[in-house]
C-alpha atoms as a PDB file:
ATOM      1  CA  MET A   1     -54.346 -41.619 -34.918  1.00  0.00           C
ATOM      2  CA  LEU A   2     -56.708 -39.662 -37.393  1.00  0.00           C
ATOM      3  CA  PHE A   3     -60.432 -39.225 -36.866  1.00  0.00           C
ATOM      4  CA  ALA A   4     -61.980 -38.198 -40.032  1.00  0.00           C
ATOM      5  CA  ASP A   5     -65.489 -37.799 -40.998  1.00  0.00           C
ATOM      6  CA  TYR A   6     -66.507 -40.732 -43.916  1.00  0.00           C
ATOM      7  CA  GLU A   7     -67.293 -38.135 -46.111  1.00  0.00           C
ATOM      8  CA  PHE A   8     -63.805 -37.005 -46.044  1.00  0.00           C
ATOM      9  CA  GLY A   9     -63.265 -39.848 -48.315  1.00  0.00           C
ATOM     10  CA  LEU A  10     -65.583 -38.002 -51.430  1.00  0.00           C
ATOM     11  CA  PRO A  11     -63.482 -35.491 -52.304  1.00  0.00           C
ATOM     12  CA  LEU A  12     -60.628 -37.910 -52.119  1.00  0.00           C
ATOM     13  CA  MET A  13     -62.541 -39.535 -54.924  1.00  0.00           C
ATOM     14  CA  GLY A  14     -63.330 -36.829 -57.007  1.00  0.00           C
ATOM     15  CA  MET A  15     -67.041 -36.495 -55.682  1.00  0.00           C
ATOM     16  CA  GLU A  16     -68.750 -33.700 -53.616  1.00  0.00           C
ATOM     17  CA  SER A  17     -70.067 -33.647 -50.235  1.00  0.00           C
ATOM     18  CA  GLU A  18     -73.493 -32.910 -48.698  1.00  0.00           C
ATOM     19  CA  ARG A  19     -71.717 -30.939 -45.858  1.00  0.00           C
ATOM     20  CA  GLY A  20     -69.377 -28.886 -48.281  1.00  0.00           C
ATOM     21  CA  GLY A  21     -66.174 -28.068 -46.584  1.00  0.00           C
ATOM     22  CA  ASN A  22     -67.264 -28.761 -43.075  1.00  0.00           C
ATOM     23  CA  ILE A  23     -65.626 -32.092 -42.427  1.00  0.00           C
ATOM     24  CA  ALA A  24     -63.613 -33.117 -39.432  1.00  0.00           C
ATOM     25  CA  LEU A  25     -60.328 -33.947 -39.784  1.00  0.00           C
ATOM     26  CA  HIS A  26     -58.059 -34.999 -36.469  1.00  0.00           C
ATOM     27  CA  TRP A  27     -54.724 -36.413 -36.752  1.00  0.00           C
ATOM     28  CA  PHE A  28     -52.388 -37.224 -33.773  1.00  0.00           C
ATOM     29  CA  ALA A  29     -49.121 -37.828 -34.586  1.00  0.00           C
ATOM     30  CA  ASP A  30     -47.687 -38.582 -31.033  1.00  0.00           C
ATOM     31  CA  CYS A  31     -49.660 -40.763 -28.751  1.00  0.00           C
ATOM     32  CA  ALA A  32     -48.336 -41.887 -25.396  1.00  0.00           C
ATOM     33  CA  ASP A  33     -49.285 -45.110 -23.974  1.00  0.00           C
ATOM     34  CA  THR A  34     -50.627 -44.918 -20.528  1.00  0.00           C
ATOM     35  CA  ASP A  35     -52.818 -47.241 -18.331  1.00  0.00           C
ATOM     36  CA  ALA A  36     -56.391 -46.550 -19.588  1.00  0.00           C
ATOM     37  CA  GLU A  37     -57.792 -48.572 -16.743  1.00  0.00           C
ATOM     38  CA  SER A  38     -56.534 -46.319 -14.293  1.00  0.00           C
ATOM     39  CA  TRP A  39     -57.195 -43.087 -15.835  1.00  0.00           C
ATOM     40  CA  LEU A  40     -61.033 -44.118 -16.580  1.00  0.00           C
ATOM     41  CA  ALA A  41     -61.198 -45.293 -12.904  1.00  0.00           C
ATOM     42  CA  ARG A  42     -59.907 -41.645 -11.806  1.00  0.00           C
ATOM     43  CA  HIS A  43     -62.379 -39.865 -14.266  1.00  0.00           C
ATOM     44  CA  SER A  44     -65.223 -41.877 -13.454  1.00  0.00           C
ATOM     45  CA  ASP A  45     -67.688 -40.467 -11.107  1.00  0.00           C
ATOM     46  CA  GLY A  46     -69.493 -43.508 -10.149  1.00  0.00           C
ATOM     47  CA  ILE A  47     -73.018 -41.967 -11.182  1.00  0.00           C
ATOM     48  CA  PRO A  48     -74.896 -44.504 -13.326  1.00  0.00           C
ATOM     49  CA  ALA A  49     -74.772 -43.804 -16.815  1.00  0.00           C
ATOM     50  CA  GLY A  50     -76.484 -44.981 -20.192  1.00  0.00           C
ATOM     51  CA  ILE A  51     -78.571 -44.524 -23.520  1.00  0.00           C
ATOM     52  CA  SER A  52     -81.835 -44.845 -23.771  1.00  0.00           C
ATOM     53  CA  THR A  53     -84.664 -43.744 -26.503  1.00  0.00           C
ATOM     54  CA  PRO A  54     -83.034 -45.070 -29.729  1.00  0.00           C
ATOM     55  CA  GLN A  55     -84.546 -43.464 -32.781  1.00  0.00           C
ATOM     56  CA  SER A  56     -83.206 -44.818 -36.511  1.00  0.00           C
ATOM     57  CA  SER A  57     -82.520 -41.891 -38.816  1.00  0.00           C
ATOM     58  CA  VAL A  58     -85.200 -43.695 -41.733  1.00  0.00           C
ATOM     59  CA  SER A  59     -88.410 -45.185 -41.341  1.00  0.00           C
ATOM     60  CA  GLU A  60     -88.860 -48.740 -41.534  1.00  0.00           C
ATOM     61  CA  THR A  61     -90.494 -48.685 -45.259  1.00  0.00           C
ATOM     62  CA  ASP A  62     -87.975 -46.535 -46.405  1.00  0.00           C
ATOM     63  CA  TYR A  63     -85.421 -49.066 -44.988  1.00  0.00           C
ATOM     64  CA  LEU A  64     -86.640 -51.496 -46.998  1.00  0.00           C
ATOM     65  CA  ASP A  65     -87.496 -49.942 -49.857  1.00  0.00           C
ATOM     66  CA  ARG A  66     -83.235 -49.076 -50.102  1.00  0.00           C
ATOM     67  CA  ILE A  67     -82.760 -52.588 -49.362  1.00  0.00           C
ATOM     68  CA  ARG A  68     -84.989 -53.989 -52.577  1.00  0.00           C
ATOM     69  CA  GLN A  69     -83.162 -50.866 -54.637  1.00  0.00           C
ATOM     70  CA  ILE A  70     -79.854 -52.287 -53.462  1.00  0.00           C
ATOM     71  CA  HIS A  71     -80.442 -55.731 -54.574  1.00  0.00           C
ATOM     72  CA  GLU A  72     -82.077 -54.620 -58.079  1.00  0.00           C
ATOM     73  CA  ALA A  73     -78.179 -52.903 -58.539  1.00  0.00           C
ATOM     74  CA  ILE A  74     -76.694 -55.926 -57.849  1.00  0.00           C
ATOM     75  CA  ARG A  75     -78.650 -58.153 -60.091  1.00  0.00           C
ATOM     76  CA  ARG A  76     -77.830 -55.180 -62.506  1.00  0.00           C
ATOM     77  CA  GLY A  77     -74.357 -55.333 -62.298  1.00  0.00           C
ATOM     78  CA  ASP A  78     -74.026 -51.901 -60.897  1.00  0.00           C
ATOM     79  CA  THR A  79     -72.286 -53.313 -57.758  1.00  0.00           C
ATOM     80  CA  TYR A  80     -70.809 -56.082 -56.154  1.00  0.00           C
ATOM     81  CA  GLN A  81     -71.541 -55.029 -52.450  1.00  0.00           C
ATOM     82  CA  ILE A  82     -72.969 -52.136 -50.605  1.00  0.00           C
ATOM     83  CA  ASN A  83     -72.698 -51.672 -47.039  1.00  0.00           C
ATOM     84  CA  TYR A  84     -75.549 -49.983 -46.038  1.00  0.00           C
ATOM     85  CA  THR A  85     -75.742 -48.160 -42.949  1.00  0.00           C
ATOM     86  CA  THR A  86     -77.931 -45.813 -41.071  1.00  0.00           C
ATOM     87  CA  ARG A  87     -78.245 -43.740 -37.831  1.00  0.00           C
ATOM     88  CA  LEU A  88     -79.275 -44.192 -34.409  1.00  0.00           C
ATOM     89  CA  HIS A  89     -80.200 -41.150 -32.594  1.00  0.00           C
ATOM     90  CA  LEU A  90     -79.509 -41.765 -28.518  1.00  0.00           C
ATOM     91  CA  GLN A  91     -79.988 -39.930 -25.409  1.00  0.00           C
ATOM     92  CA  ALA A  92     -77.211 -40.378 -23.218  1.00  0.00           C
ATOM     93  CA  TYR A  93     -77.154 -39.745 -19.714  1.00  0.00           C
ATOM     94  CA  GLY A  94     -74.621 -39.709 -17.121  1.00  0.00           C
ATOM     95  CA  ASN A  95     -70.940 -38.869 -17.085  1.00  0.00           C
ATOM     96  CA  PRO A  96     -69.341 -39.919 -20.876  1.00  0.00           C
ATOM     97  CA  VAL A  97     -66.178 -41.688 -18.969  1.00  0.00           C
ATOM     98  CA  SER A  98     -69.106 -43.896 -17.156  1.00  0.00           C
ATOM     99  CA  LEU A  99     -70.436 -44.467 -20.248  1.00  0.00           C
ATOM    100  CA  TYR A 100     -67.449 -45.472 -22.056  1.00  0.00           C
ATOM    101  CA  ARG A 101     -66.386 -47.956 -19.148  1.00  0.00           C
ATOM    102  CA  ARG A 102     -70.038 -49.917 -19.182  1.00  0.00           C
ATOM    103  CA  LEU A 103     -69.995 -49.886 -22.822  1.00  0.00           C
ATOM    104  CA  ARG A 104     -66.093 -51.199 -23.697  1.00  0.00           C
ATOM    105  CA  GLN A 105     -65.798 -54.723 -24.957  1.00  0.00           C
ATOM    106  CA  PRO A 106     -62.385 -56.136 -25.328  1.00  0.00           C
ATOM    107  CA  VAL A 107     -61.586 -54.869 -28.619  1.00  0.00           C
ATOM    108  CA  PRO A 108     -58.265 -53.548 -30.059  1.00  0.00           C
ATOM    109  CA  TYR A 109     -59.372 -49.906 -31.554  1.00  0.00           C
ATOM    110  CA  ALA A 110     -61.702 -48.593 -28.873  1.00  0.00           C
ATOM    111  CA  VAL A 111     -61.175 -44.779 -28.017  1.00  0.00           C
ATOM    112  CA  LEU A 112     -62.550 -42.226 -26.002  1.00  0.00           C
ATOM    113  CA  SER A 113     -62.239 -38.582 -26.939  1.00  0.00           C
ATOM    114  CA  HIS A 114     -63.157 -35.061 -26.169  1.00  0.00           C
ATOM    115  CA  LEU A 115     -62.939 -32.565 -28.950  1.00  0.00           C
ATOM    116  CA  PRO A 116     -65.187 -29.664 -29.515  1.00  0.00           C
ATOM    117  CA  ASP A 117     -67.973 -30.622 -32.308  1.00  0.00           C
ATOM    118  CA  GLU A 118     -68.950 -28.434 -35.284  1.00  0.00           C
ATOM    119  CA  ALA A 119     -70.129 -25.609 -33.353  1.00  0.00           C
ATOM    120  CA  GLY A 120     -67.060 -25.328 -31.591  1.00  0.00           C
ATOM    121  CA  GLN A 121     -69.043 -26.848 -28.097  1.00  0.00           C
ATOM    122  CA  SER A 122     -67.626 -29.939 -25.899  1.00  0.00           C
ATOM    123  CA  ALA A 123     -68.036 -32.948 -27.464  1.00  0.00           C
ATOM    124  CA  TRP A 124     -67.390 -36.591 -26.928  1.00  0.00           C
ATOM    125  CA  THR A 125     -66.413 -39.629 -29.483  1.00  0.00           C
ATOM    126  CA  LEU A 126     -66.985 -43.486 -28.012  1.00  0.00           C
ATOM    127  CA  CYS A 127     -65.435 -45.777 -30.437  1.00  0.00           C
ATOM    128  CA  PHE A 128     -65.624 -49.896 -29.896  1.00  0.00           C
ATOM    129  CA  SER A 129     -64.399 -50.904 -33.194  1.00  0.00           C
ATOM    130  CA  PRO A 130     -62.260 -54.264 -33.637  1.00  0.00           C
ATOM    131  CA  GLU A 131     -61.000 -53.350 -37.193  1.00  0.00           C
ATOM    132  CA  LEU A 132     -57.682 -52.197 -38.389  1.00  0.00           C
ATOM    133  CA  PHE A 133     -58.451 -49.535 -40.965  1.00  0.00           C
ATOM    134  CA  LEU A 134     -54.623 -48.679 -41.538  1.00  0.00           C
ATOM    135  CA  ASN A 135     -51.167 -49.483 -39.784  1.00  0.00           C
ATOM    136  CA  ILE A 136     -48.152 -47.899 -41.440  1.00  0.00           C
ATOM    137  CA  ALA A 137     -44.701 -48.868 -39.799  1.00  0.00           C
ATOM    138  CA  SER A 138     -41.621 -47.079 -40.370  1.00  0.00           C
ATOM    139  CA  ASP A 139     -40.131 -49.832 -42.679  1.00  0.00           C
ATOM    140  CA  GLY A 140     -43.111 -48.715 -45.091  1.00  0.00           C
ATOM    141  CA  ILE A 141     -44.853 -51.737 -44.521  1.00  0.00           C
ATOM    142  CA  ILE A 142     -48.553 -50.745 -44.762  1.00  0.00           C
ATOM    143  CA  SER A 143     -51.401 -53.114 -42.458  1.00  0.00           C
ATOM    144  CA  THR A 144     -55.272 -53.313 -42.985  1.00  0.00           C
ATOM    145  CA  GLU A 145     -57.272 -55.810 -41.895  1.00  0.00           C
ATOM    146  CA  PRO A 146     -60.873 -55.497 -43.022  1.00  0.00           C
ATOM    147  CA  MET A 147     -63.485 -57.681 -41.730  1.00  0.00           C
ATOM    148  CA  LYS A 148     -66.585 -59.106 -43.601  1.00  0.00           C
ATOM    149  CA  GLY A 149     -68.401 -62.527 -41.638  1.00  0.00           C
ATOM    150  CA  THR A 150     -70.334 -62.181 -38.143  1.00  0.00           C
ATOM    151  CA  ALA A 151     -71.604 -65.083 -35.956  1.00  0.00           C
ATOM    152  CA  PRO A 152     -72.812 -65.190 -32.791  1.00  0.00           C
ATOM    153  CA  ILE A 153     -71.333 -66.270 -29.324  1.00  0.00           C
ATOM    154  CA  LEU A 154     -73.934 -67.844 -27.022  1.00  0.00           C
ATOM    155  CA  GLY A 155     -71.825 -69.905 -25.015  1.00  0.00           C
ATOM    156  CA  ASP A 156     -74.624 -72.800 -25.511  1.00  0.00           C
ATOM    157  CA  GLY A 157     -71.360 -75.167 -26.235  1.00  0.00           C
ATOM    158  CA  GLN A 158     -71.833 -74.379 -29.722  1.00  0.00           C
ATOM    159  CA  ASP A 159     -69.790 -71.536 -30.421  1.00  0.00           C
ATOM    160  CA  GLU A 160     -66.581 -73.342 -31.940  1.00  0.00           C
ATOM    161  CA  ARG A 161     -68.611 -75.006 -34.525  1.00  0.00           C
ATOM    162  CA  ARG A 162     -70.074 -71.638 -35.450  1.00  0.00           C
ATOM    163  CA  ALA A 163     -66.594 -69.673 -35.456  1.00  0.00           C
ATOM    164  CA  ALA A 164     -65.642 -73.401 -37.773  1.00  0.00           C
ATOM    165  CA  GLU A 165     -68.732 -72.937 -40.271  1.00  0.00           C
ATOM    166  CA  LEU A 166     -68.348 -68.726 -40.526  1.00  0.00           C
ATOM    167  CA  GLN A 167     -64.461 -69.648 -41.929  1.00  0.00           C
ATOM    168  CA  THR A 168     -65.664 -72.039 -44.254  1.00  0.00           C
ATOM    169  CA  ASP A 169     -69.618 -70.338 -45.080  1.00  0.00           C
ATOM    170  CA  PRO A 170     -69.179 -69.614 -49.065  1.00  0.00           C
ATOM    171  CA  LYS A 171     -71.212 -66.706 -48.853  1.00  0.00           C
ATOM    172  CA  ASN A 172     -69.395 -64.932 -46.138  1.00  0.00           C
ATOM    173  CA  ARG A 173     -66.114 -65.995 -47.704  1.00  0.00           C
ATOM    174  CA  ALA A 174     -66.938 -64.271 -50.836  1.00  0.00           C
ATOM    175  CA  GLU A 175     -67.931 -60.872 -49.146  1.00  0.00           C
ATOM    176  CA  ASN A 176     -64.670 -61.037 -47.789  1.00  0.00           C
ATOM    177  CA  VAL A 177     -62.655 -61.757 -50.964  1.00  0.00           C
ATOM    178  CA  MET A 178     -64.415 -59.117 -52.632  1.00  0.00           C
ATOM    179  CA  ILE A 179     -63.273 -56.482 -49.943  1.00  0.00           C
ATOM    180  CA  VAL A 180     -59.401 -58.044 -50.041  1.00  0.00           C
ATOM    181  CA  ASP A 181     -59.506 -57.511 -53.569  1.00  0.00           C
ATOM    182  CA  LEU A 182     -60.765 -53.890 -53.175  1.00  0.00           C
ATOM    183  CA  LEU A 183     -57.929 -53.021 -50.763  1.00  0.00           C
ATOM    184  CA  ARG A 184     -55.238 -54.964 -52.461  1.00  0.00           C
ATOM    185  CA  ASN A 185     -55.995 -52.640 -55.667  1.00  0.00           C
ATOM    186  CA  ASP A 186     -56.237 -49.712 -53.305  1.00  0.00           C
ATOM    187  CA  LEU A 187     -52.624 -50.400 -51.606  1.00  0.00           C
ATOM    188  CA  GLY A 188     -51.308 -51.329 -54.927  1.00  0.00           C
ATOM    189  CA  LYS A 189     -51.732 -47.744 -56.083  1.00  0.00           C
ATOM    190  CA  ILE A 190     -48.556 -46.878 -53.499  1.00  0.00           C
ATOM    191  CA  ALA A 191     -47.002 -50.100 -53.492  1.00  0.00           C
ATOM    192  CA  GLN A 192     -43.789 -51.379 -55.184  1.00  0.00           C
ATOM    193  CA  THR A 193     -44.549 -54.064 -57.916  1.00  0.00           C
ATOM    194  CA  GLY A 194     -45.437 -57.181 -56.755  1.00  0.00           C
ATOM    195  CA  LYS A 195     -45.046 -56.163 -53.080  1.00  0.00           C
ATOM    196  CA  VAL A 196     -49.057 -56.670 -52.114  1.00  0.00           C
ATOM    197  CA  CYS A 197     -50.235 -59.967 -50.438  1.00  0.00           C
ATOM    198  CA  VAL A 198     -52.477 -61.416 -48.114  1.00  0.00           C
ATOM    199  CA  PRO A 199     -50.420 -63.391 -45.568  1.00  0.00           C
ATOM    200  CA  GLU A 200     -53.707 -64.270 -43.315  1.00  0.00           C
ATOM    201  CA  PRO A 201     -56.928 -64.748 -44.999  1.00  0.00           C
ATOM    202  CA  PHE A 202     -60.207 -65.722 -42.955  1.00  0.00           C
ATOM    203  CA  LYS A 203     -58.942 -65.610 -39.914  1.00  0.00           C
ATOM    204  CA  VAL A 204     -61.968 -66.039 -37.532  1.00  0.00           C
ATOM    205  CA  SER A 205     -61.572 -64.064 -34.088  1.00  0.00           C
ATOM    206  CA  ARG A 206     -63.413 -63.828 -31.055  1.00  0.00           C
ATOM    207  CA  PHE A 207     -64.376 -60.121 -29.968  1.00  0.00           C
ATOM    208  CA  GLY A 208     -66.974 -59.829 -27.330  1.00  0.00           C
ATOM    209  CA  SER A 209     -70.062 -61.530 -27.758  1.00  0.00           C
ATOM    210  CA  VAL A 210     -69.096 -62.468 -31.656  1.00  0.00           C
ATOM    211  CA  TRP A 211     -66.882 -64.006 -34.045  1.00  0.00           C
ATOM    212  CA  GLN A 212     -65.609 -61.835 -36.743  1.00  0.00           C
ATOM    213  CA  MET A 213     -63.722 -63.112 -40.086  1.00  0.00           C
ATOM    214  CA  THR A 214     -60.656 -60.938 -40.770  1.00  0.00           C
ATOM    215  CA  SER A 215     -58.341 -61.042 -43.843  1.00  0.00           C
ATOM    216  CA  THR A 216     -54.780 -59.305 -43.459  1.00  0.00           C
ATOM    217  CA  ILE A 217     -53.319 -57.306 -46.349  1.00  0.00           C
ATOM    218  CA  ARG A 218     -49.831 -56.134 -46.425  1.00  0.00           C
ATOM    219  CA  ALA A 219     -48.196 -54.331 -49.138  1.00  0.00           C
ATOM    220  CA  GLN A 220     -44.490 -52.674 -48.940  1.00  0.00           C
ATOM    221  CA  ALA A 221     -45.004 -48.377 -50.153  1.00  0.00           C
ATOM    222  CA  LEU A 222     -43.059 -47.201 -52.682  1.00  0.00           C
ATOM    223  CA  PRO A 223     -40.306 -45.065 -51.525  1.00  0.00           C
ATOM    224  CA  ASP A 224     -41.233 -41.279 -50.150  1.00  0.00           C
ATOM    225  CA  THR A 225     -44.870 -42.495 -49.790  1.00  0.00           C
ATOM    226  CA  SER A 226     -46.223 -39.848 -47.608  1.00  0.00           C
ATOM    227  CA  PHE A 227     -49.489 -40.291 -44.842  1.00  0.00           C
ATOM    228  CA  ALA A 228     -51.398 -38.456 -47.245  1.00  0.00           C
ATOM    229  CA  ASP A 229     -50.830 -40.327 -50.813  1.00  0.00           C
ATOM    230  CA  THR A 230     -51.931 -43.463 -48.388  1.00  0.00           C
ATOM    231  CA  LEU A 231     -54.765 -41.953 -47.271  1.00  0.00           C
ATOM    232  CA  ARG A 232     -55.587 -40.736 -50.846  1.00  0.00           C
ATOM    233  CA  ALA A 233     -55.439 -44.497 -51.923  1.00  0.00           C
ATOM    234  CA  ALA A 234     -57.440 -46.154 -49.502  1.00  0.00           C
ATOM    235  CA  PHE A 235     -59.941 -43.962 -47.591  1.00  0.00           C
ATOM    236  CA  PRO A 236     -62.502 -44.516 -46.781  1.00  0.00           C
ATOM    237  CA  CYS A 237     -61.767 -47.882 -46.173  1.00  0.00           C
ATOM    238  CA  GLY A 238     -63.813 -50.537 -48.177  1.00  0.00           C
ATOM    239  CA  SER A 239     -65.746 -52.626 -45.470  1.00  0.00           C
ATOM    240  CA  ILE A 240     -67.270 -49.560 -44.864  1.00  0.00           C
ATOM    241  CA  THR A 241     -67.917 -48.680 -48.624  1.00  0.00           C
ATOM    242  CA  GLY A 242     -68.527 -51.880 -50.190  1.00  0.00           C
ATOM    243  CA  ALA A 243     -67.141 -52.688 -53.690  1.00  0.00           C
ATOM    244  CA  PRO A 244     -66.954 -50.659 -55.979  1.00  0.00           C
ATOM    245  CA  LYS A 245     -66.548 -47.859 -53.391  1.00  0.00           C
ATOM    246  CA  LYS A 246     -68.253 -44.921 -56.298  1.00  0.00           C
END
């Protein structure tokens, strides 16, 4: 399991980070399976926990201006797709373990981590991701499952219809295909010739209150491909950056 700042991908692509060398990278090479629910129950104190006073890192005016700039870049042909994100700053209260239990959803890649921050102070990371970036099997098969395409689950009797519409919607399919092509190219840098495939495109799955459309990409890595080689080829994930990455 790897914890890496988004900025970790910039030097891998020959770009400079505004944070210089102050980039977090934690690699856990041996992770044991344990009963997560029992552990969480033992370490939760039962005191209410939550978040409050969310504040965006950008103003509404700046946000709309950047969206306009993105539209202009797409019209000029500078890019195909941009995943524009901003930060939300929140106040948290209560035990972090209790907060994690409260926010936890049925997703396959949820993580609760207690690690020191940049200043060496105690810090918690709460992750609720349904998306697989990379899985590297012992036989050299590398898998990635980017997500593009979302629809709400409302419990109004129309959810299955919304799932079917999501799977066939031209716009969502187009976004998904762009990222699939990008990641096929990334894995192709370290794969055997002719050994990159998309065995399961446009799969719609339920995650809590939303439908997500996922495509699976697999590649047979070249002999002696290292973990570092794989990161250089694929990090950061194209579903986070958009296409092209630079």
